[in-house]
């Protein structure tokens, strides 16, 4: 979640026209946050799939 916080802070700084922030940095942080979120969702889905598979196994 730190990536999301830094992305939103950078986005806010760009909107407020702060001098030390570039649009390229904001776009890079945005991409990093999107990749991080997609990875977390894929891991969750794989774990859910594994749990479902195990729970359907006969004992």
PDB file of N, CA and C in Angstrom:
ATOM      1  N   UNK A   1       0.801  -1.195   0.000  1.00  0.00           N
ATOM      2  CA  UNK A   1       0.000   0.000   0.000  1.00  0.00           C
ATOM      3  C   UNK A   1       0.848   1.265   0.000  1.00  0.00           C
ATOM      4  N   UNK A   2       2.121   1.163   0.315  1.00  0.00           N
ATOM      5  CA  UNK A   2       2.969   2.350   0.281  1.00  0.00           C
ATOM      6  C   UNK A   2       3.073   2.911  -1.124  1.00  0.00           C
ATOM      7  N   UNK A   3       3.041   2.041  -2.128  1.00  0.00           N
ATOM      8  CA  UNK A   3       3.085   2.525  -3.503  1.00  0.00           C
ATOM      9  C   UNK A   3       1.869   3.372  -3.815  1.00  0.00           C
ATOM     10  N   UNK A   4       0.708   2.946  -3.346  1.00  0.00           N
ATOM     11  CA  UNK A   4      -0.517   3.715  -3.600  1.00  0.00           C
ATOM     12  C   UNK A   4      -0.459   5.076  -2.913  1.00  0.00           C
ATOM     13  N   UNK A   5       0.039   5.095  -1.668  1.00  0.00           N
ATOM     14  CA  UNK A   5       0.139   6.356  -0.952  1.00  0.00           C
ATOM     15  C   UNK A   5       1.106   7.302  -1.650  1.00  0.00           C
ATOM     16  N   UNK A   6       2.260   6.780  -2.067  1.00  0.00           N
ATOM     17  CA  UNK A   6       3.233   7.644  -2.741  1.00  0.00           C
ATOM     18  C   UNK A   6       2.697   8.105  -4.092  1.00  0.00           C
ATOM     19  N   UNK A   7       1.941   7.245  -4.766  1.00  0.00           N
ATOM     20  CA  UNK A   7       1.334   7.634  -6.039  1.00  0.00           C
ATOM     21  C   UNK A   7       0.352   8.777  -5.836  1.00  0.00           C
ATOM     22  N   UNK A   8      -0.517   8.659  -4.830  1.00  0.00           N
ATOM     23  CA  UNK A   8      -1.513   9.705  -4.593  1.00  0.00           C
ATOM     24  C   UNK A   8      -0.860  11.011  -4.135  1.00  0.00           C
ATOM     25  N   UNK A   9       0.216  10.908  -3.342  1.00  0.00           N
ATOM     26  CA  UNK A   9       0.925  12.118  -2.918  1.00  0.00           C
ATOM     27  C   UNK A   9       1.557  12.798  -4.120  1.00  0.00           C
ATOM     28  N   UNK A  10       2.181  12.013  -4.993  1.00  0.00           N
ATOM     29  CA  UNK A  10       2.806  12.559  -6.190  1.00  0.00           C
ATOM     30  C   UNK A  10       1.758  13.184  -7.104  1.00  0.00           C
ATOM     31  N   UNK A  11       0.626  12.513  -7.241  1.00  0.00           N
ATOM     32  CA  UNK A  11      -0.456  13.035  -8.078  1.00  0.00           C
ATOM     33  C   UNK A  11      -0.953  14.375  -7.525  1.00  0.00           C
ATOM     34  N   UNK A  12      -1.109  14.446  -6.208  1.00  0.00           N
ATOM     35  CA  UNK A  12      -1.537  15.678  -5.567  1.00  0.00           C
ATOM     36  C   UNK A  12      -0.519  16.787  -5.806  1.00  0.00           C
ATOM     37  N   UNK A  13       0.767  16.455  -5.692  1.00  0.00           N
ATOM     38  CA  UNK A  13       1.816  17.448  -5.921  1.00  0.00           C
ATOM     39  C   UNK A  13       1.808  17.957  -7.355  1.00  0.00           C
ATOM     40  N   UNK A  14       1.547  17.078  -8.321  1.00  0.00           N
ATOM     41  CA  UNK A  14       1.483  17.497  -9.728  1.00  0.00           C
ATOM     42  C   UNK A  14       0.290  18.433  -9.931  1.00  0.00           C
ATOM     43  N   UNK A  15      -0.847  18.078  -9.336  1.00  0.00           N
ATOM     44  CA  UNK A  15      -2.045  18.909  -9.480  1.00  0.00           C
ATOM     45  C   UNK A  15      -1.823  20.292  -8.858  1.00  0.00           C
ATOM     46  N   UNK A  16      -1.097  20.327  -7.737  1.00  0.00           N
ATOM     47  CA  UNK A  16      -0.837  21.596  -7.061  1.00  0.00           C
ATOM     48  C   UNK A  16       0.344  22.352  -7.675  1.00  0.00           C
ATOM     49  N   UNK A  17       0.914  21.834  -8.754  1.00  0.00           N
ATOM     50  CA  UNK A  17       2.026  22.461  -9.477  1.00  0.00           C
ATOM     51  C   UNK A  17       3.252  22.675  -8.598  1.00  0.00           C
ATOM     52  N   UNK A  18       3.590  21.688  -7.801  1.00  0.00           N
ATOM     53  CA  UNK A  18       4.810  21.765  -6.995  1.00  0.00           C
ATOM     54  C   UNK A  18       6.012  21.698  -7.936  1.00  0.00           C
ATOM     55  N   UNK A  19       7.071  22.439  -7.644  1.00  0.00           N
ATOM     56  CA  UNK A  19       8.187  22.552  -8.602  1.00  0.00           C
ATOM     57  C   UNK A  19       9.065  21.309  -8.732  1.00  0.00           C
ATOM     58  N   UNK A  20       9.159  20.470  -7.723  1.00  0.00           N
ATOM     59  CA  UNK A  20      10.089  19.334  -7.755  1.00  0.00           C
ATOM     60  C   UNK A  20       9.465  18.040  -8.254  1.00  0.00           C
ATOM     61  N   UNK A  21       8.287  18.110  -8.831  1.00  0.00           N
ATOM     62  CA  UNK A  21       7.590  16.898  -9.247  1.00  0.00           C
ATOM     63  C   UNK A  21       7.371  16.931 -10.751  1.00  0.00           C
ATOM     64  N   UNK A  22       7.719  15.825 -11.409  1.00  0.00           N
ATOM     65  CA  UNK A  22       7.483  15.756 -12.850  1.00  0.00           C
ATOM     66  C   UNK A  22       6.319  14.817 -13.138  1.00  0.00           C
ATOM     67  N   UNK A  23       5.702  15.026 -14.269  1.00  0.00           N
ATOM     68  CA  UNK A  23       4.589  14.177 -14.688  1.00  0.00           C
ATOM     69  C   UNK A  23       5.094  12.757 -14.942  1.00  0.00           C
ATOM     70  N   UNK A  24       6.315  12.640 -15.429  1.00  0.00           N
ATOM     71  CA  UNK A  24       6.897  11.312 -15.690  1.00  0.00           C
ATOM     72  C   UNK A  24       7.003  10.506 -14.398  1.00  0.00           C
ATOM     73  N   UNK A  25       7.425  11.149 -13.310  1.00  0.00           N
ATOM     74  CA  UNK A  25       7.503  10.455 -12.018  1.00  0.00           C
ATOM     75  C   UNK A  25       6.127   9.985 -11.567  1.00  0.00           C
ATOM     76  N   UNK A  26       5.127  10.845 -11.755  1.00  0.00           N
ATOM     77  CA  UNK A  26       3.767  10.482 -11.370  1.00  0.00           C
ATOM     78  C   UNK A  26       3.265   9.301 -12.184  1.00  0.00           C
ATOM     79  N   UNK A  27       3.536   9.298 -13.486  1.00  0.00           N
ATOM     80  CA  UNK A  27       3.101   8.190 -14.333  1.00  0.00           C
ATOM     81  C   UNK A  27       3.817   6.897 -13.973  1.00  0.00           C
ATOM     82  N   UNK A  28       5.098   6.994 -13.642  1.00  0.00           N
ATOM     83  CA  UNK A  28       5.863   5.811 -13.235  1.00  0.00           C
ATOM     84  C   UNK A  28       5.303   5.223 -11.946  1.00  0.00           C
ATOM     85  N   UNK A  29       5.031   6.076 -10.960  1.00  0.00           N
ATOM     86  CA  UNK A  29       4.460   5.587  -9.696  1.00  0.00           C
ATOM     87  C   UNK A  29       3.072   4.999  -9.911  1.00  0.00           C
ATOM     88  N   UNK A  30       2.313   5.585 -10.816  1.00  0.00           N
ATOM     89  CA  UNK A  30       0.982   5.072 -11.124  1.00  0.00           C
ATOM     90  C   UNK A  30       1.076   3.667 -11.717  1.00  0.00           C
ATOM     91  N   UNK A  31       2.011   3.473 -12.634  1.00  0.00           N
ATOM     92  CA  UNK A  31       2.207   2.148 -13.239  1.00  0.00           C
ATOM     93  C   UNK A  31       2.660   1.131 -12.206  1.00  0.00           C
ATOM     94  N   UNK A  32       3.568   1.540 -11.325  1.00  0.00           N
ATOM     95  CA  UNK A  32       4.034   0.643 -10.269  1.00  0.00           C
ATOM     96  C   UNK A  32       2.883   0.230  -9.356  1.00  0.00           C
ATOM     97  N   UNK A  33       2.026   1.170  -9.017  1.00  0.00           N
ATOM     98  CA  UNK A  33       0.882   0.864  -8.154  1.00  0.00           C
ATOM     99  C   UNK A  33      -0.094  -0.087  -8.845  1.00  0.00           C
ATOM    100  N   UNK A  34      -0.316   0.113 -10.135  1.00  0.00           N
ATOM    101  CA  UNK A  34      -1.216  -0.767 -10.882  1.00  0.00           C
ATOM    102  C   UNK A  34      -0.650  -2.187 -10.962  1.00  0.00           C
ATOM    103  N   UNK A  35       0.645  -2.309 -11.218  1.00  0.00           N
ATOM    104  CA  UNK A  35       1.279  -3.628 -11.291  1.00  0.00           C
ATOM    105  C   UNK A  35       1.229  -4.315  -9.933  1.00  0.00           C
ATOM    106  N   UNK A  36       1.477  -3.562  -8.880  1.00  0.00           N
ATOM    107  CA  UNK A  36       1.435  -4.120  -7.530  1.00  0.00           C
ATOM    108  C   UNK A  36       0.037  -4.631  -7.193  1.00  0.00           C
ATOM    109  N   UNK A  37      -0.971  -3.867  -7.536  1.00  0.00           N
ATOM    110  CA  UNK A  37      -2.350  -4.271  -7.259  1.00  0.00           C
ATOM    111  C   UNK A  37      -2.728  -5.497  -8.085  1.00  0.00           C
ATOM    112  N   UNK A  38      -2.348  -5.524  -9.346  1.00  0.00           N
ATOM    113  CA  UNK A  38      -2.657  -6.679 -10.203  1.00  0.00           C
ATOM    114  C   UNK A  38      -1.979  -7.941  -9.668  1.00  0.00           C
ATOM    115  N   UNK A  39      -0.748  -7.814  -9.189  1.00  0.00           N
ATOM    116  CA  UNK A  39      -0.031  -8.963  -8.624  1.00  0.00           C
ATOM    117  C   UNK A  39      -0.725  -9.469  -7.370  1.00  0.00           C
ATOM    118  N   UNK A  40      -1.143  -8.551  -6.501  1.00  0.00           N
ATOM    119  CA  UNK A  40      -1.836  -8.953  -5.271  1.00  0.00           C
ATOM    120  C   UNK A  40      -3.153  -9.658  -5.595  1.00  0.00           C
ATOM    121  N   UNK A  41      -3.866  -9.179  -6.589  1.00  0.00           N
ATOM    122  CA  UNK A  41      -5.125  -9.811  -6.986  1.00  0.00           C
ATOM    123  C   UNK A  41      -4.879 -11.204  -7.554  1.00  0.00           C
ATOM    124  N   UNK A  42      -3.840 -11.363  -8.367  1.00  0.00           N
ATOM    125  CA  UNK A  42      -3.515 -12.684  -8.926  1.00  0.00           C
ATOM    126  C   UNK A  42      -3.123 -13.669  -7.834  1.00  0.00           C
ATOM    127  N   UNK A  43      -2.352 -13.214  -6.857  1.00  0.00           N
ATOM    128  CA  UNK A  43      -1.966 -14.088  -5.742  1.00  0.00           C
ATOM    129  C   UNK A  43      -3.204 -14.511  -4.962  1.00  0.00           C
ATOM    130  N   UNK A  44      -4.104 -13.558  -4.703  1.00  0.00           N
ATOM    131  CA  UNK A  44      -5.351 -13.887  -4.004  1.00  0.00           C
ATOM    132  C   UNK A  44      -6.152 -14.920  -4.786  1.00  0.00           C
ATOM    133  N   UNK A  45      -6.268 -14.729  -6.094  1.00  0.00           N
ATOM    134  CA  UNK A  45      -7.043 -15.659  -6.911  1.00  0.00           C
ATOM    135  C   UNK A  45      -6.430 -17.054  -6.911  1.00  0.00           C
ATOM    136  N   UNK A  46      -5.100 -17.138  -6.985  1.00  0.00           N
ATOM    137  CA  UNK A  46      -4.437 -18.454  -6.963  1.00  0.00           C
ATOM    138  C   UNK A  46      -4.632 -19.138  -5.618  1.00  0.00           C
ATOM    139  N   UNK A  47      -4.561 -18.370  -4.534  1.00  0.00           N
ATOM    140  CA  UNK A  47      -4.766 -18.962  -3.210  1.00  0.00           C
ATOM    141  C   UNK A  47      -6.207 -19.440  -3.047  1.00  0.00           C
ATOM    142  N   UNK A  48      -7.153 -18.675  -3.535  1.00  0.00           N
ATOM    143  CA  UNK A  48      -8.556 -19.075  -3.477  1.00  0.00           C
ATOM    144  C   UNK A  48      -8.799 -20.326  -4.316  1.00  0.00           C
ATOM    145  N   UNK A  49      -8.167 -20.379  -5.474  1.00  0.00           N
ATOM    146  CA  UNK A  49      -8.288 -21.559  -6.342  1.00  0.00           C
ATOM    147  C   UNK A  49      -7.702 -22.796  -5.665  1.00  0.00           C
ATOM    148  N   UNK A  50      -6.552 -22.641  -4.995  1.00  0.00           N
ATOM    149  CA  UNK A  50      -5.927 -23.763  -4.289  1.00  0.00           C
ATOM    150  C   UNK A  50      -6.805 -24.218  -3.121  1.00  0.00           C
ATOM    151  N   UNK A  51      -7.361 -23.270  -2.387  1.00  0.00           N
ATOM    152  CA  UNK A  51      -8.242 -23.613  -1.269  1.00  0.00           C
ATOM    153  C   UNK A  51      -9.472 -24.362  -1.763  1.00  0.00           C
ATOM    154  N   UNK A  52     -10.064 -23.884  -2.850  1.00  0.00           N
ATOM    155  CA  UNK A  52     -11.255 -24.534  -3.409  1.00  0.00           C
ATOM    156  C   UNK A  52     -10.920 -25.952  -3.861  1.00  0.00           C
ATOM    157  N   UNK A  53      -9.767 -26.098  -4.496  1.00  0.00           N
ATOM    158  CA  UNK A  53      -9.341 -27.416  -4.955  1.00  0.00           C
ATOM    159  C   UNK A  53      -9.148 -28.362  -3.764  1.00  0.00           C
ATOM    160  N   UNK A  54      -8.520 -27.887  -2.708  1.00  0.00           N
ATOM    161  CA  UNK A  54      -8.296 -28.733  -1.525  1.00  0.00           C
ATOM    162  C   UNK A  54      -9.600 -29.066  -0.821  1.00  0.00           C
ATOM    163  N   UNK A  55     -10.514 -28.108  -0.762  1.00  0.00           N
ATOM    164  CA  UNK A  55     -11.757 -28.371  -0.055  1.00  0.00           C
ATOM    165  C   UNK A  55     -12.653 -29.333  -0.818  1.00  0.00           C
ATOM    166  N   UNK A  56     -12.460 -29.476  -2.110  1.00  0.00           N
ATOM    167  CA  UNK A  56     -13.261 -30.399  -2.907  1.00  0.00           C
ATOM    168  C   UNK A  56     -12.676 -31.804  -2.958  1.00  0.00           C
ATOM    169  N   UNK A  57     -11.493 -32.011  -2.402  1.00  0.00           N
ATOM    170  CA  UNK A  57     -10.873 -33.338  -2.406  1.00  0.00           C
ATOM    171  C   UNK A  57     -11.603 -34.267  -1.434  1.00  0.00           C
ATOM    172  N   UNK A  58     -11.824 -35.501  -1.857  1.00  0.00           N
ATOM    173  CA  UNK A  58     -12.439 -36.450  -0.921  1.00  0.00           C
ATOM    174  C   UNK A  58     -11.457 -36.863   0.167  1.00  0.00           C
ATOM    175  N   UNK A  59     -12.006 -37.094   1.342  1.00  0.00           N
ATOM    176  CA  UNK A  59     -11.147 -37.479   2.485  1.00  0.00           C
ATOM    177  C   UNK A  59     -11.158 -38.976   2.658  1.00  0.00           C
TER     178      UNK A  59
END
